[in-house]
Amino acid sequence: MTAEVGNLSELLHHEVVLDTRGTFLYIGTLAAVDEWFYTLEDADVHEGTEGGSTKEVYIMEAAKFGVKKNRRRVLVRNSEVISLSLLDDVIKY
């Protein structure tokens, strides 16, 4: 396990937002982190071109109204993620 992975242990079992290089956005409970993947459970996999809202608007709606779960479990390749934050850290306005 790398130092970067170890630093994420405090986020385990909390709802997080994974923003990717592409149009995909992942919101769910961080179950595991390893050298290659983030594992989310009870997750919403959202393709950013669907529905017409921006990633930021979609994240704010998830923070306000809850996660629209469409996957029991999903693995997201670490190299595709550009940011990770707690869903609770999203400022609602």
C-alpha atoms as a PDB file:
ATOM      1  CA  MET A   1       0.000   0.000   0.000  1.00  0.00           C
ATOM      2  CA  THR A   2       1.379   3.390  -0.917  1.00  0.00           C
ATOM      3  CA  ALA A   3       1.449   6.391   1.414  1.00  0.00           C
ATOM      4  CA  GLU A   4      -1.265   8.042  -0.691  1.00  0.00           C
ATOM      5  CA  VAL A   5      -3.577   5.075  -0.211  1.00  0.00           C
ATOM      6  CA  GLY A   6      -2.881   5.005   3.534  1.00  0.00           C
ATOM      7  CA  ASN A   7      -3.870   8.652   3.891  1.00  0.00           C
ATOM      8  CA  LEU A   8      -7.351   7.856   2.571  1.00  0.00           C
ATOM      9  CA  SER A   9      -8.150   5.406   5.373  1.00  0.00           C
ATOM     10  CA  GLU A  10     -10.034   8.117   7.305  1.00  0.00           C
ATOM     11  CA  LEU A  11     -12.483   8.363   4.373  1.00  0.00           C
ATOM     12  CA  LEU A  12     -13.345   4.656   4.403  1.00  0.00           C
ATOM     13  CA  HIS A  13     -17.032   3.880   5.037  1.00  0.00           C
ATOM     14  CA  HIS A  14     -18.072   7.460   4.232  1.00  0.00           C
ATOM     15  CA  GLU A  15     -19.921   8.744   1.163  1.00  0.00           C
ATOM     16  CA  VAL A  16     -17.481  10.281  -1.296  1.00  0.00           C
ATOM     17  CA  VAL A  17     -17.466  11.939  -4.697  1.00  0.00           C
ATOM     18  CA  LEU A  18     -14.962  10.753  -7.307  1.00  0.00           C
ATOM     19  CA  ASP A  19     -14.626  13.171 -10.208  1.00  0.00           C
ATOM     20  CA  THR A  20     -12.869  11.727 -13.252  1.00  0.00           C
ATOM     21  CA  ARG A  21     -10.884  13.036 -16.201  1.00  0.00           C
ATOM     22  CA  GLY A  22     -13.800  12.186 -18.470  1.00  0.00           C
ATOM     23  CA  THR A  23     -17.518  12.713 -18.203  1.00  0.00           C
ATOM     24  CA  PHE A  24     -18.120  10.083 -15.508  1.00  0.00           C
ATOM     25  CA  LEU A  25     -18.828  10.933 -11.891  1.00  0.00           C
ATOM     26  CA  TYR A  26     -19.013   8.393  -9.060  1.00  0.00           C
ATOM     27  CA  ILE A  27     -20.757   8.967  -5.727  1.00  0.00           C
ATOM     28  CA  GLY A  28     -20.917   6.253  -3.103  1.00  0.00           C
ATOM     29  CA  THR A  29     -19.525   4.749   0.079  1.00  0.00           C
ATOM     30  CA  LEU A  30     -15.771   4.260  -0.074  1.00  0.00           C
ATOM     31  CA  ALA A  31     -15.292   0.594   0.822  1.00  0.00           C
ATOM     32  CA  ALA A  32     -11.639   0.053  -0.134  1.00  0.00           C
ATOM     33  CA  VAL A  33      -8.620   1.657  -1.751  1.00  0.00           C
ATOM     34  CA  ASP A  34      -5.650  -0.151  -3.221  1.00  0.00           C
ATOM     35  CA  GLU A  35      -2.828   0.586  -5.600  1.00  0.00           C
ATOM     36  CA  TRP A  36      -5.095   0.434  -8.674  1.00  0.00           C
ATOM     37  CA  PHE A  37      -8.727   0.994  -7.682  1.00  0.00           C
ATOM     38  CA  TYR A  38     -11.172   2.828  -5.470  1.00  0.00           C
ATOM     39  CA  THR A  39     -14.033   0.518  -4.503  1.00  0.00           C
ATOM     40  CA  LEU A  40     -17.411   2.153  -3.904  1.00  0.00           C
ATOM     41  CA  GLU A  41     -20.523   0.466  -2.553  1.00  0.00           C
ATOM     42  CA  ASP A  42     -24.129   1.652  -2.893  1.00  0.00           C
ATOM     43  CA  ALA A  43     -22.892   3.911  -5.660  1.00  0.00           C
ATOM     44  CA  ASP A  44     -24.266   6.227  -8.299  1.00  0.00           C
ATOM     45  CA  VAL A  45     -22.381   5.993 -11.586  1.00  0.00           C
ATOM     46  CA  HIS A  46     -23.334   9.105 -13.540  1.00  0.00           C
ATOM     47  CA  GLU A  47     -22.328   9.910 -17.103  1.00  0.00           C
ATOM     48  CA  GLY A  48     -22.040  13.690 -17.297  1.00  0.00           C
ATOM     49  CA  THR A  49     -23.675  14.101 -20.690  1.00  0.00           C
ATOM     50  CA  GLU A  50     -26.938  12.580 -19.423  1.00  0.00           C
ATOM     51  CA  GLY A  51     -29.693  14.817 -18.133  1.00  0.00           C
ATOM     52  CA  GLY A  52     -28.196  18.156 -19.094  1.00  0.00           C
ATOM     53  CA  SER A  53     -26.840  19.149 -15.670  1.00  0.00           C
ATOM     54  CA  THR A  54     -23.177  19.834 -14.995  1.00  0.00           C
ATOM     55  CA  LYS A  55     -21.152  17.588 -12.716  1.00  0.00           C
ATOM     56  CA  GLU A  56     -21.188  20.315 -10.065  1.00  0.00           C
ATOM     57  CA  VAL A  57     -24.981  20.658 -10.111  1.00  0.00           C
ATOM     58  CA  TYR A  58     -25.367  16.866  -9.983  1.00  0.00           C
ATOM     59  CA  ILE A  59     -23.033  16.673  -6.960  1.00  0.00           C
ATOM     60  CA  MET A  60     -24.932  19.419  -5.128  1.00  0.00           C
ATOM     61  CA  GLU A  61     -28.232  17.627  -5.778  1.00  0.00           C
ATOM     62  CA  ALA A  62     -26.776  14.375  -4.419  1.00  0.00           C
ATOM     63  CA  ALA A  63     -25.598  16.210  -1.289  1.00  0.00           C
ATOM     64  CA  LYS A  64     -29.001  17.790  -0.826  1.00  0.00           C
ATOM     65  CA  PHE A  65     -31.335  14.922  -1.792  1.00  0.00           C
ATOM     66  CA  GLY A  66     -29.193  11.795  -1.385  1.00  0.00           C
ATOM     67  CA  VAL A  67     -27.312   9.407  -3.636  1.00  0.00           C
ATOM     68  CA  LYS A  68     -29.277   7.805  -6.499  1.00  0.00           C
ATOM     69  CA  LYS A  69     -27.817   4.331  -6.096  1.00  0.00           C
ATOM     70  CA  ASN A  70     -27.532   2.311  -9.306  1.00  0.00           C
ATOM     71  CA  ARG A  71     -24.635  -0.012  -8.404  1.00  0.00           C
ATOM     72  CA  ARG A  72     -24.113  -2.242  -5.379  1.00  0.00           C
ATOM     73  CA  ARG A  73     -20.368  -2.141  -6.015  1.00  0.00           C
ATOM     74  CA  VAL A  74     -18.099  -0.452  -8.541  1.00  0.00           C
ATOM     75  CA  LEU A  75     -14.336  -0.304  -8.968  1.00  0.00           C
ATOM     76  CA  VAL A  76     -12.911   2.949 -10.318  1.00  0.00           C
ATOM     77  CA  ARG A  77      -9.379   3.031 -11.685  1.00  0.00           C
ATOM     78  CA  ASN A  78      -7.280   5.422  -9.573  1.00  0.00           C
ATOM     79  CA  SER A  79      -5.552   6.881 -12.621  1.00  0.00           C
ATOM     80  CA  GLU A  80      -8.887   8.252 -13.926  1.00  0.00           C
ATOM     81  CA  VAL A  81      -9.798  10.145 -10.742  1.00  0.00           C
ATOM     82  CA  ILE A  82      -8.868  13.833 -10.602  1.00  0.00           C
ATOM     83  CA  SER A  83     -10.499  14.617  -7.265  1.00  0.00           C
ATOM     84  CA  LEU A  84     -12.008  12.897  -4.256  1.00  0.00           C
ATOM     85  CA  SER A  85     -14.051  14.568  -1.543  1.00  0.00           C
ATOM     86  CA  LEU A  86     -16.502  13.661   1.161  1.00  0.00           C
ATOM     87  CA  LEU A  87     -20.087  14.189   0.062  1.00  0.00           C
ATOM     88  CA  ASP A  88     -20.606  15.913   3.438  1.00  0.00           C
ATOM     89  CA  ASP A  89     -17.993  18.503   2.421  1.00  0.00           C
ATOM     90  CA  VAL A  90     -20.095  19.668  -0.537  1.00  0.00           C
ATOM     91  CA  ILE A  91     -21.445  23.122   0.238  1.00  0.00           C
ATOM     92  CA  LYS A  92     -25.204  23.227  -0.254  1.00  0.00           C
ATOM     93  CA  TYR A  93     -26.751  26.460  -1.489  1.00  0.00           C
END
